[in-house]
Amino acid sequence: MSVFAKKLLILFGVMVVMVGLVVFLYVQSREPDEPEADRVVRETKSYIAKHFQQAEVAGVFYDSTGRYSEFDYAVQLNDLKTNIDFFVYVDQQTKQVTDTYLSELWSQTLTEKIRPLVETIFGQGTAYKAVYYQEAVQQLKLDPSSSSEYEKAKIPPFITITLQRDRSPTEEKNLNRLATALKKKKLLRHGNLATEYINEKGILREDEIGFNTYF
């Protein structure tokens, strides 16, 4: 075997080892760390016992994809009364124990209430979501186990209508119709409405820019 061939073989071997190492580190980064999981359970235990006695612990959630900026680990619970799934965690910024119960409850409640209006205006089976963002709800400093209703909160939710078609010239008019109906039915005083467009594979289309309406 020539010297060149030997060097090429060695270089190939090094590359294989490096690729294997990168893959190993990537897989390891997506695996939950047991001590960290135990820590979040320990640090949230008294908070859960105080505020969520009717909730059932489903386990520890590890945010391996970086979806949440507030935490890496959280205790996942299900409220047996409302059937709401939510998180209790130690906020990485404030270092305080907090939860997503009200934001999840309000989002689900609003989503269910506005379904008839959305489907009347945009068509049966239209996909949409109504969201109260956790950061905004947290700033209200409400008791997490209170019976506070979203109608009394002075923060606007975000409602996104997802459409699998081309954008229609009447889209902005439809959003304004929805805003008027929400206020008339006293379901919302203020909110952010938007449309987005997806292809047949459910992937967001970049060639169709959605409309946005604030009321």
Protein backbone atom coordinates (compact mmCIF):
# COMPACT_ATOMS: atom_id res chain seq x y z
CA MET A 1 0.00 0.00 0.00
CA SER A 2 1.36 3.42 -0.95
CA VAL A 3 2.08 6.15 1.60
CA PHE A 4 -0.70 8.28 0.07
CA ALA A 5 -3.23 5.46 0.42
CA LYS A 6 -2.22 4.90 4.07
CA LYS A 7 -2.65 8.62 4.86
CA LEU A 8 -6.02 8.63 3.11
CA LEU A 9 -7.13 5.59 5.11
CA ILE A 10 -6.01 7.18 8.39
CA LEU A 11 -7.83 10.41 7.51
CA PHE A 12 -10.99 8.46 6.71
CA GLY A 13 -10.74 6.63 10.04
CA VAL A 14 -10.36 9.90 11.94
CA MET A 15 -13.42 11.32 10.17
CA VAL A 16 -15.48 8.26 11.05
CA VAL A 17 -14.47 8.58 14.71
CA MET A 18 -15.30 12.31 14.73
CA VAL A 19 -18.69 11.76 13.16
CA GLY A 20 -19.42 9.00 15.67
CA LEU A 21 -18.41 11.31 18.53
CA VAL A 22 -20.65 14.11 17.27
CA VAL A 23 -23.60 11.71 16.97
CA PHE A 24 -22.94 10.34 20.46
CA LEU A 25 -22.81 13.83 21.99
CA TYR A 26 -25.99 14.82 20.16
CA VAL A 27 -27.85 11.77 21.45
CA GLN A 28 -26.53 12.37 24.96
CA SER A 29 -27.72 16.00 24.85
CA ARG A 30 -31.27 14.80 24.15
CA GLU A 31 -31.30 12.34 27.05
CA PRO A 32 -32.69 13.64 30.36
CA ASP A 33 -30.27 13.99 33.26
CA GLU A 34 -31.59 11.99 36.21
CA PRO A 35 -30.17 14.24 38.97
CA GLU A 36 -31.73 17.29 37.27
CA ALA A 37 -35.07 15.51 37.00
CA ASP A 38 -34.89 14.62 40.71
CA ARG A 39 -33.98 18.21 41.54
CA VAL A 40 -37.03 19.74 39.83
CA VAL A 41 -39.31 17.23 41.60
CA ARG A 42 -37.76 18.12 44.94
CA GLU A 43 -37.89 21.89 44.42
CA THR A 44 -41.51 21.95 43.23
CA LYS A 45 -42.95 19.43 45.68
CA SER A 46 -44.22 21.90 48.30
CA TYR A 47 -45.58 24.26 45.62
CA ILE A 48 -47.60 21.45 44.03
CA ALA A 49 -48.87 20.27 47.42
CA LYS A 50 -50.02 23.81 48.26
CA HIS A 51 -51.70 24.81 44.99
CA PHE A 52 -52.58 21.64 43.08
CA GLN A 53 -53.87 18.99 45.47
CA GLN A 54 -56.41 17.84 42.86
CA ALA A 55 -53.77 17.40 40.17
CA GLU A 56 -52.09 14.14 39.26
CA VAL A 57 -48.35 14.05 38.52
CA ALA A 58 -47.73 12.58 35.07
CA GLY A 59 -43.93 12.66 35.26
CA VAL A 60 -40.94 14.89 34.55
CA PHE A 61 -40.76 16.67 31.19
CA TYR A 62 -37.35 17.32 29.60
CA ASP A 63 -37.26 20.02 26.93
CA SER A 64 -34.71 18.36 24.65
CA THR A 65 -35.59 20.55 21.65
CA GLY A 66 -35.24 23.92 23.38
CA ARG A 67 -38.89 24.84 22.84
CA TYR A 68 -39.23 26.52 26.22
CA SER A 69 -36.95 29.37 27.28
CA GLU A 70 -38.20 29.32 30.89
CA PHE A 71 -36.98 25.84 31.81
CA ASP A 72 -35.22 22.65 30.76
CA TYR A 73 -37.00 20.38 33.25
CA ALA A 74 -40.55 20.62 34.58
CA VAL A 75 -43.01 18.46 36.46
CA GLN A 76 -45.95 17.63 34.21
CA LEU A 77 -49.38 17.42 35.84
CA ASN A 78 -52.99 16.82 34.89
CA ASP A 79 -55.75 18.63 36.74
CA LEU A 80 -58.41 16.01 37.42
CA LYS A 81 -61.22 18.58 37.60
CA THR A 82 -60.57 20.42 34.32
CA ASN A 83 -58.45 17.75 32.56
CA ILE A 84 -55.84 20.42 31.83
CA ASP A 85 -52.22 19.31 31.30
CA PHE A 86 -49.69 21.83 32.58
CA PHE A 87 -46.15 22.30 33.92
CA VAL A 88 -44.70 23.34 37.26
CA TYR A 89 -41.06 24.44 37.08
CA VAL A 90 -38.32 26.68 38.44
CA ASP A 91 -38.10 29.74 36.18
CA GLN A 92 -34.55 30.10 34.87
CA GLN A 93 -34.67 33.90 35.10
CA THR A 94 -36.45 34.56 38.41
CA LYS A 95 -35.42 31.28 40.12
CA GLN A 96 -38.97 31.10 41.46
CA VAL A 97 -41.29 28.11 41.24
CA THR A 98 -44.19 28.83 38.89
CA ASP A 99 -46.66 27.02 36.65
CA THR A 100 -48.52 27.17 33.33
CA TYR A 101 -51.94 26.20 34.68
CA LEU A 102 -53.85 29.42 34.01
CA SER A 103 -52.29 30.01 30.60
CA GLU A 104 -53.19 26.46 29.55
CA LEU A 105 -56.70 26.69 31.09
CA TRP A 106 -57.51 30.03 29.48
CA SER A 107 -56.12 28.96 26.10
CA GLN A 108 -58.18 25.78 26.05
CA THR A 109 -61.35 27.48 27.33
CA LEU A 110 -61.16 30.25 24.74
CA THR A 111 -60.37 27.80 21.93
CA GLU A 112 -63.50 25.79 22.73
CA LYS A 113 -65.76 28.83 23.08
CA ILE A 114 -64.88 30.46 19.76
CA ARG A 115 -65.14 27.32 17.60
CA PRO A 116 -68.68 28.05 16.29
CA LEU A 117 -67.69 31.57 15.23
CA VAL A 118 -64.46 30.48 13.54
CA GLU A 119 -66.18 27.71 11.60
CA THR A 120 -69.08 29.94 10.58
CA ILE A 121 -66.71 32.49 9.07
CA PHE A 122 -63.85 30.31 7.77
CA GLY A 123 -65.61 26.99 7.19
CA GLN A 124 -66.24 23.71 9.00
CA GLY A 125 -63.13 21.95 10.27
CA THR A 126 -60.92 25.05 10.07
CA ALA A 127 -57.76 24.58 12.15
CA TYR A 128 -56.99 27.33 14.64
CA LYS A 129 -55.50 27.93 18.06
CA ALA A 130 -56.08 30.48 20.79
CA VAL A 131 -53.12 31.14 23.07
CA TYR A 132 -52.54 33.09 26.26
CA TYR A 133 -48.78 33.25 26.55
CA GLN A 134 -47.34 32.16 29.87
CA GLU A 135 -45.07 35.19 30.24
CA ALA A 136 -48.02 37.60 30.04
CA VAL A 137 -50.19 35.56 32.42
CA GLN A 138 -47.33 35.23 34.91
CA GLN A 139 -47.00 39.02 35.12
CA LEU A 140 -50.56 39.21 36.49
CA LYS A 141 -49.27 37.49 39.66
CA LEU A 142 -52.49 35.57 40.22
CA ASP A 143 -52.87 32.74 42.68
CA PRO A 144 -52.21 29.65 40.53
CA SER A 145 -55.04 27.73 42.16
CA SER A 146 -57.54 30.58 41.85
CA SER A 147 -60.67 30.39 39.72
CA SER A 148 -59.71 33.47 37.70
CA GLU A 149 -61.38 33.62 34.29
CA TYR A 150 -59.76 34.76 31.08
CA GLU A 151 -62.55 37.32 30.46
CA LYS A 152 -61.34 39.32 33.46
CA ALA A 153 -57.69 39.33 32.40
CA LYS A 154 -56.50 42.53 30.75
CA ILE A 155 -54.16 40.78 28.36
CA PRO A 156 -55.03 40.02 24.72
CA PRO A 157 -54.76 36.43 23.51
CA PHE A 158 -53.33 35.42 20.12
CA ILE A 159 -55.69 33.57 17.80
CA THR A 160 -54.20 32.03 14.66
CA ILE A 161 -56.34 30.64 11.84
CA THR A 162 -54.48 27.98 9.83
CA LEU A 163 -55.68 27.56 6.24
CA GLN A 164 -54.63 24.94 3.72
CA ARG A 165 -55.26 27.00 0.59
CA ASP A 166 -54.20 30.18 -1.16
CA ARG A 167 -54.85 33.50 0.52
CA SER A 168 -58.26 34.93 -0.31
CA PRO A 169 -58.93 38.63 -1.05
CA THR A 170 -61.67 38.48 1.62
CA GLU A 171 -59.30 37.28 4.38
CA GLU A 172 -58.89 40.63 6.10
CA LYS A 173 -62.66 41.16 5.97
CA ASN A 174 -63.17 37.72 7.56
CA LEU A 175 -60.79 38.56 10.41
CA ASN A 176 -62.67 41.80 11.05
CA ARG A 177 -65.96 39.85 11.02
CA LEU A 178 -64.52 37.46 13.61
CA ALA A 179 -63.29 40.33 15.79
CA THR A 180 -66.74 41.98 15.66
CA ALA A 181 -68.47 38.69 16.54
CA LEU A 182 -66.12 38.00 19.46
CA LYS A 183 -66.87 41.41 20.94
CA LYS A 184 -70.60 41.19 20.25
CA LYS A 185 -70.83 37.79 21.93
CA LYS A 186 -68.76 39.19 24.81
CA LEU A 187 -66.20 36.42 24.42
CA LEU A 188 -63.30 38.88 24.14
CA ARG A 189 -62.73 42.59 24.56
CA HIS A 190 -59.29 42.65 22.93
CA GLY A 191 -57.21 40.16 20.98
CA ASN A 192 -54.76 39.52 18.17
CA LEU A 193 -56.06 37.67 15.10
CA ALA A 194 -53.90 36.27 12.32
CA THR A 195 -54.02 33.88 9.40
CA GLU A 196 -51.30 31.50 8.26
CA TYR A 197 -51.15 29.17 5.28
CA ILE A 198 -49.89 25.61 4.98
CA ASN A 199 -49.37 23.20 2.08
CA GLU A 200 -50.84 19.71 1.71
CA LYS A 201 -48.04 18.33 3.93
CA GLY A 202 -48.90 20.71 6.75
CA ILE A 203 -45.75 22.81 6.24
CA LEU A 204 -46.02 26.57 6.64
CA ARG A 205 -46.00 28.33 3.29
CA GLU A 206 -43.53 31.20 2.91
CA ASP A 207 -45.08 32.38 -0.34
CA GLU A 208 -48.35 33.37 1.34
CA ILE A 209 -48.12 36.11 3.96
CA GLY A 210 -50.92 36.05 6.51
CA PHE A 211 -53.09 38.94 7.67
CA ASN A 212 -52.95 40.35 11.20
CA THR A 213 -55.69 42.22 13.02
CA TYR A 214 -55.72 43.69 16.53
CA PHE A 215 -58.97 44.70 18.19
